[in-house]
Amino acid sequence: MARFLSLFILVPLLELALLIRVGQWIGLWPTIGIVFVTGIAGAALVRREGVRVLSDMRSDVAGGKVPARSLMDAGALLVGGAFLLTPGVLTDIAGFALLLPPVRALLLKSLRERMERALAQGAVRVHMGGNGWDASAAGANATRSEARGPELRKERDGASPRPGEIIQE
């Protein structure tokens, strides 16, 4: 929580200081122009990359694959677009970096490796299902253990999780 708080305080202060410095260096109107142009250029790039990612998603789904990579790309584009709409030098650099496929690929690879490491260390657990699941909605294919939901969960307290199970602590 302290990281997020410092992020929301330090980044805007740093952005403001950089915009003031750039404004002193090149002038007020050119600085405003740069902020405006980066916003418009960023929106165009987000749209172009977004269309490409959407096409990749459709191809994955049509091929029977889970579009995990495309969904991660879409998330990175969303964050990059938000950065580009935020006035500032650092957020513009980060936003444009997230729009570049090679940079995005490196970032997402690093994120994936961190998540896999956290899963392997047990810092994150996965549990499929949850409270209040209605077995009747599953129809005739629901097994007895699926239908028992919360009762089964009580029996499993203290037991190690099954493969694919997400556990929130």
C-alpha atoms as a PDB file:
ATOM      1  CA  MET A   1       0.000   0.000   0.000  1.00  0.00           C
ATOM      2  CA  ALA A   2       2.857   2.352   0.798  1.00  0.00           C
ATOM      3  CA  ARG A   3       4.291   1.750  -2.685  1.00  0.00           C
ATOM      4  CA  PHE A   4       1.043   2.775  -4.354  1.00  0.00           C
ATOM      5  CA  LEU A   5       0.701   5.827  -2.155  1.00  0.00           C
ATOM      6  CA  SER A   6       4.243   6.954  -2.920  1.00  0.00           C
ATOM      7  CA  LEU A   7       3.636   6.195  -6.602  1.00  0.00           C
ATOM      8  CA  PHE A   8       0.560   8.421  -6.682  1.00  0.00           C
ATOM      9  CA  ILE A   9       2.430  11.216  -4.904  1.00  0.00           C
ATOM     10  CA  LEU A  10       5.953  10.985  -6.324  1.00  0.00           C
ATOM     11  CA  VAL A  11       5.154  10.370  -9.998  1.00  0.00           C
ATOM     12  CA  PRO A  12       2.869  13.418 -10.406  1.00  0.00           C
ATOM     13  CA  LEU A  13       5.373  15.620  -8.550  1.00  0.00           C
ATOM     14  CA  LEU A  14       8.201  14.386 -10.754  1.00  0.00           C
ATOM     15  CA  GLU A  15       6.042  14.855 -13.872  1.00  0.00           C
ATOM     16  CA  LEU A  16       5.196  18.402 -12.822  1.00  0.00           C
ATOM     17  CA  ALA A  17       8.847  19.227 -12.179  1.00  0.00           C
ATOM     18  CA  LEU A  18       9.841  17.828 -15.577  1.00  0.00           C
ATOM     19  CA  LEU A  19       7.070  19.734 -17.385  1.00  0.00           C
ATOM     20  CA  ILE A  20       8.153  22.950 -15.678  1.00  0.00           C
ATOM     21  CA  ARG A  21      11.778  22.303 -16.670  1.00  0.00           C
ATOM     22  CA  VAL A  22      10.814  21.526 -20.278  1.00  0.00           C
ATOM     23  CA  GLY A  23       8.612  24.643 -20.311  1.00  0.00           C
ATOM     24  CA  GLN A  24      11.547  26.758 -19.125  1.00  0.00           C
ATOM     25  CA  TRP A  25      13.799  25.202 -21.722  1.00  0.00           C
ATOM     26  CA  ILE A  26      11.560  25.398 -24.840  1.00  0.00           C
ATOM     27  CA  GLY A  27       8.713  27.670 -23.716  1.00  0.00           C
ATOM     28  CA  LEU A  28       5.099  27.339 -22.597  1.00  0.00           C
ATOM     29  CA  TRP A  29       3.327  26.848 -25.948  1.00  0.00           C
ATOM     30  CA  PRO A  30       5.763  24.321 -27.393  1.00  0.00           C
ATOM     31  CA  THR A  31       5.458  22.326 -24.148  1.00  0.00           C
ATOM     32  CA  ILE A  32       1.660  22.390 -24.360  1.00  0.00           C
ATOM     33  CA  GLY A  33       1.952  21.407 -28.040  1.00  0.00           C
ATOM     34  CA  ILE A  34       4.140  18.420 -27.187  1.00  0.00           C
ATOM     35  CA  VAL A  35       1.646  17.235 -24.553  1.00  0.00           C
ATOM     36  CA  PHE A  36      -1.191  17.631 -27.078  1.00  0.00           C
ATOM     37  CA  VAL A  37       0.649  15.873 -29.935  1.00  0.00           C
ATOM     38  CA  THR A  38       1.751  12.948 -27.763  1.00  0.00           C
ATOM     39  CA  GLY A  39      -1.859  12.455 -26.663  1.00  0.00           C
ATOM     40  CA  ILE A  40      -3.139  12.367 -30.252  1.00  0.00           C
ATOM     41  CA  ALA A  41      -0.256  10.241 -31.559  1.00  0.00           C
ATOM     42  CA  GLY A  42      -0.678   7.889 -28.616  1.00  0.00           C
ATOM     43  CA  ALA A  43      -4.394   7.479 -29.275  1.00  0.00           C
ATOM     44  CA  ALA A  44      -3.700   6.632 -32.926  1.00  0.00           C
ATOM     45  CA  LEU A  45      -1.023   4.100 -31.979  1.00  0.00           C
ATOM     46  CA  VAL A  46      -3.243   2.518 -29.319  1.00  0.00           C
ATOM     47  CA  ARG A  47      -5.983   2.133 -31.901  1.00  0.00           C
ATOM     48  CA  ARG A  48      -3.654   0.563 -34.462  1.00  0.00           C
ATOM     49  CA  GLU A  49      -2.102  -1.857 -31.976  1.00  0.00           C
ATOM     50  CA  GLY A  50      -5.508  -2.589 -30.453  1.00  0.00           C
ATOM     51  CA  VAL A  51      -6.888  -3.660 -33.821  1.00  0.00           C
ATOM     52  CA  ARG A  52      -3.887  -5.940 -34.303  1.00  0.00           C
ATOM     53  CA  VAL A  53      -4.299  -7.472 -30.831  1.00  0.00           C
ATOM     54  CA  LEU A  54      -8.034  -7.967 -31.423  1.00  0.00           C
ATOM     55  CA  SER A  55      -7.231  -9.755 -34.675  1.00  0.00           C
ATOM     56  CA  ASP A  56      -4.751 -11.988 -32.831  1.00  0.00           C
ATOM     57  CA  MET A  57      -7.410 -12.763 -30.209  1.00  0.00           C
ATOM     58  CA  ARG A  58      -9.908 -13.743 -32.873  1.00  0.00           C
ATOM     59  CA  SER A  59      -7.332 -15.983 -34.548  1.00  0.00           C
ATOM     60  CA  ASP A  60      -6.516 -17.686 -31.247  1.00  0.00           C
ATOM     61  CA  VAL A  61     -10.171 -18.292 -30.414  1.00  0.00           C
ATOM     62  CA  ALA A  62     -10.917 -19.517 -33.953  1.00  0.00           C
ATOM     63  CA  GLY A  63      -7.977 -21.919 -33.625  1.00  0.00           C
ATOM     64  CA  GLY A  64      -9.320 -23.243 -30.322  1.00  0.00           C
ATOM     65  CA  LYS A  65      -6.565 -21.633 -28.242  1.00  0.00           C
ATOM     66  CA  VAL A  66      -6.936 -19.481 -25.141  1.00  0.00           C
ATOM     67  CA  PRO A  67      -5.962 -15.904 -26.119  1.00  0.00           C
ATOM     68  CA  ALA A  68      -3.798 -15.412 -23.017  1.00  0.00           C
ATOM     69  CA  ARG A  69      -0.986 -13.585 -24.818  1.00  0.00           C
ATOM     70  CA  SER A  70      -3.431 -11.308 -26.638  1.00  0.00           C
ATOM     71  CA  LEU A  71      -5.251 -10.517 -23.397  1.00  0.00           C
ATOM     72  CA  MET A  72      -1.967  -9.552 -21.752  1.00  0.00           C
ATOM     73  CA  ASP A  73      -1.131  -7.391 -24.780  1.00  0.00           C
ATOM     74  CA  ALA A  74      -4.552  -5.749 -24.519  1.00  0.00           C
ATOM     75  CA  GLY A  75      -3.960  -4.981 -20.837  1.00  0.00           C
ATOM     76  CA  ALA A  76      -0.569  -3.469 -21.622  1.00  0.00           C
ATOM     77  CA  LEU A  77      -2.146  -1.346 -24.374  1.00  0.00           C
ATOM     78  CA  LEU A  78      -4.803  -0.137 -21.952  1.00  0.00           C
ATOM     79  CA  VAL A  79      -2.173   0.930 -19.435  1.00  0.00           C
ATOM     80  CA  GLY A  80      -0.031   2.477 -22.177  1.00  0.00           C
ATOM     81  CA  GLY A  81      -2.999   4.437 -23.514  1.00  0.00           C
ATOM     82  CA  ALA A  82      -3.824   5.716 -20.027  1.00  0.00           C
ATOM     83  CA  PHE A  83      -0.205   6.808 -19.597  1.00  0.00           C
ATOM     84  CA  LEU A  84      -0.307   8.676 -22.909  1.00  0.00           C
ATOM     85  CA  LEU A  85      -3.484  10.516 -21.923  1.00  0.00           C
ATOM     86  CA  THR A  86      -1.816  11.619 -18.682  1.00  0.00           C
ATOM     87  CA  PRO A  87       0.196  14.778 -19.300  1.00  0.00           C
ATOM     88  CA  GLY A  88       3.843  14.291 -18.503  1.00  0.00           C
ATOM     89  CA  VAL A  89       7.206  13.282 -19.851  1.00  0.00           C
ATOM     90  CA  LEU A  90       7.741  10.035 -17.920  1.00  0.00           C
ATOM     91  CA  THR A  91       4.218   8.743 -18.481  1.00  0.00           C
ATOM     92  CA  ASP A  92       4.531   9.506 -22.202  1.00  0.00           C
ATOM     93  CA  ILE A  93       7.781   7.555 -22.408  1.00  0.00           C
ATOM     94  CA  ALA A  94       6.260   4.620 -20.495  1.00  0.00           C
ATOM     95  CA  GLY A  95       3.074   4.790 -22.601  1.00  0.00           C
ATOM     96  CA  PHE A  96       4.907   4.781 -25.924  1.00  0.00           C
ATOM     97  CA  ALA A  97       7.152   1.958 -24.702  1.00  0.00           C
ATOM     98  CA  LEU A  98       4.071  -0.165 -23.929  1.00  0.00           C
ATOM     99  CA  LEU A  99       2.826   0.405 -27.480  1.00  0.00           C
ATOM    100  CA  LEU A 100       5.963  -1.062 -29.038  1.00  0.00           C
ATOM    101  CA  PRO A 101       5.517  -4.830 -29.533  1.00  0.00           C
ATOM    102  CA  PRO A 102       9.154  -5.761 -28.695  1.00  0.00           C
ATOM    103  CA  VAL A 103       9.117  -3.753 -25.459  1.00  0.00           C
ATOM    104  CA  ARG A 104       5.689  -5.117 -24.572  1.00  0.00           C
ATOM    105  CA  ALA A 105       6.892  -8.677 -25.235  1.00  0.00           C
ATOM    106  CA  LEU A 106       9.880  -8.228 -22.888  1.00  0.00           C
ATOM    107  CA  LEU A 107       7.708  -6.699 -20.178  1.00  0.00           C
ATOM    108  CA  LEU A 108       5.047  -9.390 -20.439  1.00  0.00           C
ATOM    109  CA  LYS A 109       7.706 -12.135 -20.427  1.00  0.00           C
ATOM    110  CA  SER A 110       9.144 -10.676 -17.239  1.00  0.00           C
ATOM    111  CA  LEU A 111       5.673 -10.416 -15.681  1.00  0.00           C
ATOM    112  CA  ARG A 112       4.884 -14.014 -16.627  1.00  0.00           C
ATOM    113  CA  GLU A 113       8.153 -15.268 -15.127  1.00  0.00           C
ATOM    114  CA  ARG A 114       7.447 -13.382 -11.880  1.00  0.00           C
ATOM    115  CA  MET A 115       3.961 -14.879 -11.703  1.00  0.00           C
ATOM    116  CA  GLU A 116       5.280 -18.392 -12.359  1.00  0.00           C
ATOM    117  CA  ARG A 117       7.920 -17.928  -9.648  1.00  0.00           C
ATOM    118  CA  ALA A 118       5.267 -16.701  -7.198  1.00  0.00           C
ATOM    119  CA  LEU A 119       3.094 -19.714  -8.016  1.00  0.00           C
ATOM    120  CA  ALA A 120       6.023 -22.102  -7.570  1.00  0.00           C
ATOM    121  CA  GLN A 121       6.919 -20.538  -4.206  1.00  0.00           C
ATOM    122  CA  GLY A 122       3.331 -20.725  -3.024  1.00  0.00           C
ATOM    123  CA  ALA A 123       2.980 -16.935  -2.730  1.00  0.00           C
ATOM    124  CA  VAL A 124      -0.039 -17.172  -5.051  1.00  0.00           C
ATOM    125  CA  ARG A 125      -2.464 -20.052  -5.104  1.00  0.00           C
ATOM    126  CA  VAL A 126      -5.174 -20.854  -7.624  1.00  0.00           C
ATOM    127  CA  HIS A 127      -8.627 -22.161  -6.674  1.00  0.00           C
ATOM    128  CA  MET A 128     -11.304 -22.961  -9.224  1.00  0.00           C
ATOM    129  CA  GLY A 129     -14.811 -22.253  -7.917  1.00  0.00           C
ATOM    130  CA  GLY A 130     -16.114 -20.191  -5.060  1.00  0.00           C
ATOM    131  CA  ASN A 131     -18.807 -19.589  -2.502  1.00  0.00           C
ATOM    132  CA  GLY A 132     -22.360 -19.706  -3.683  1.00  0.00           C
ATOM    133  CA  TRP A 133     -21.778 -21.781  -6.828  1.00  0.00           C
ATOM    134  CA  ASP A 134     -25.090 -23.217  -7.907  1.00  0.00           C
ATOM    135  CA  ALA A 135     -24.727 -26.825  -9.035  1.00  0.00           C
ATOM    136  CA  SER A 136     -28.196 -26.767 -10.562  1.00  0.00           C
ATOM    137  CA  ALA A 137     -26.889 -24.244 -13.111  1.00  0.00           C
ATOM    138  CA  ALA A 138     -24.351 -26.818 -14.260  1.00  0.00           C
ATOM    139  CA  GLY A 139     -27.125 -29.190 -15.254  1.00  0.00           C
ATOM    140  CA  ALA A 140     -26.788 -32.950 -15.355  1.00  0.00           C
ATOM    141  CA  ASN A 141     -22.999 -32.739 -15.745  1.00  0.00           C
ATOM    142  CA  ALA A 142     -22.461 -31.536 -12.160  1.00  0.00           C
ATOM    143  CA  THR A 143     -20.691 -34.105 -10.038  1.00  0.00           C
ATOM    144  CA  ARG A 144     -21.614 -34.793  -6.439  1.00  0.00           C
ATOM    145  CA  SER A 145     -18.492 -32.946  -5.177  1.00  0.00           C
ATOM    146  CA  GLU A 146     -19.343 -29.905  -7.361  1.00  0.00           C
ATOM    147  CA  ALA A 147     -22.885 -29.860  -6.029  1.00  0.00           C
ATOM    148  CA  ARG A 148     -21.693 -29.915  -2.411  1.00  0.00           C
ATOM    149  CA  GLY A 149     -19.544 -26.740  -2.897  1.00  0.00           C
ATOM    150  CA  PRO A 150     -19.262 -25.109   0.571  1.00  0.00           C
ATOM    151  CA  GLU A 151     -19.662 -28.444   2.425  1.00  0.00           C
ATOM    152  CA  LEU A 152     -16.761 -29.955   0.509  1.00  0.00           C
ATOM    153  CA  ARG A 153     -14.690 -26.842   1.170  1.00  0.00           C
ATOM    154  CA  LYS A 154     -15.230 -27.271   4.938  1.00  0.00           C
ATOM    155  CA  GLU A 155     -14.045 -30.866   4.693  1.00  0.00           C
ATOM    156  CA  ARG A 156     -10.918 -29.760   2.810  1.00  0.00           C
ATOM    157  CA  ASP A 157      -9.865 -27.036   5.305  1.00  0.00           C
ATOM    158  CA  GLY A 158      -6.245 -27.618   6.147  1.00  0.00           C
ATOM    159  CA  ALA A 159      -5.673 -29.901   3.151  1.00  0.00           C
ATOM    160  CA  SER A 160      -3.210 -28.913   0.439  1.00  0.00           C
ATOM    161  CA  PRO A 161      -4.832 -27.374  -2.662  1.00  0.00           C
ATOM    162  CA  ARG A 162      -5.604 -29.424  -5.733  1.00  0.00           C
ATOM    163  CA  PRO A 163      -3.864 -28.582  -9.048  1.00  0.00           C
ATOM    164  CA  GLY A 164      -5.451 -25.476 -10.600  1.00  0.00           C
ATOM    165  CA  GLU A 165      -6.998 -24.326  -7.323  1.00  0.00           C
ATOM    166  CA  ILE A 166      -6.770 -20.592  -6.429  1.00  0.00           C
ATOM    167  CA  ILE A 167      -6.617 -19.935  -2.692  1.00  0.00           C
ATOM    168  CA  GLN A 168      -6.962 -16.387  -1.366  1.00  0.00           C
ATOM    169  CA  GLU A 169      -5.501 -15.756   2.050  1.00  0.00           C
END
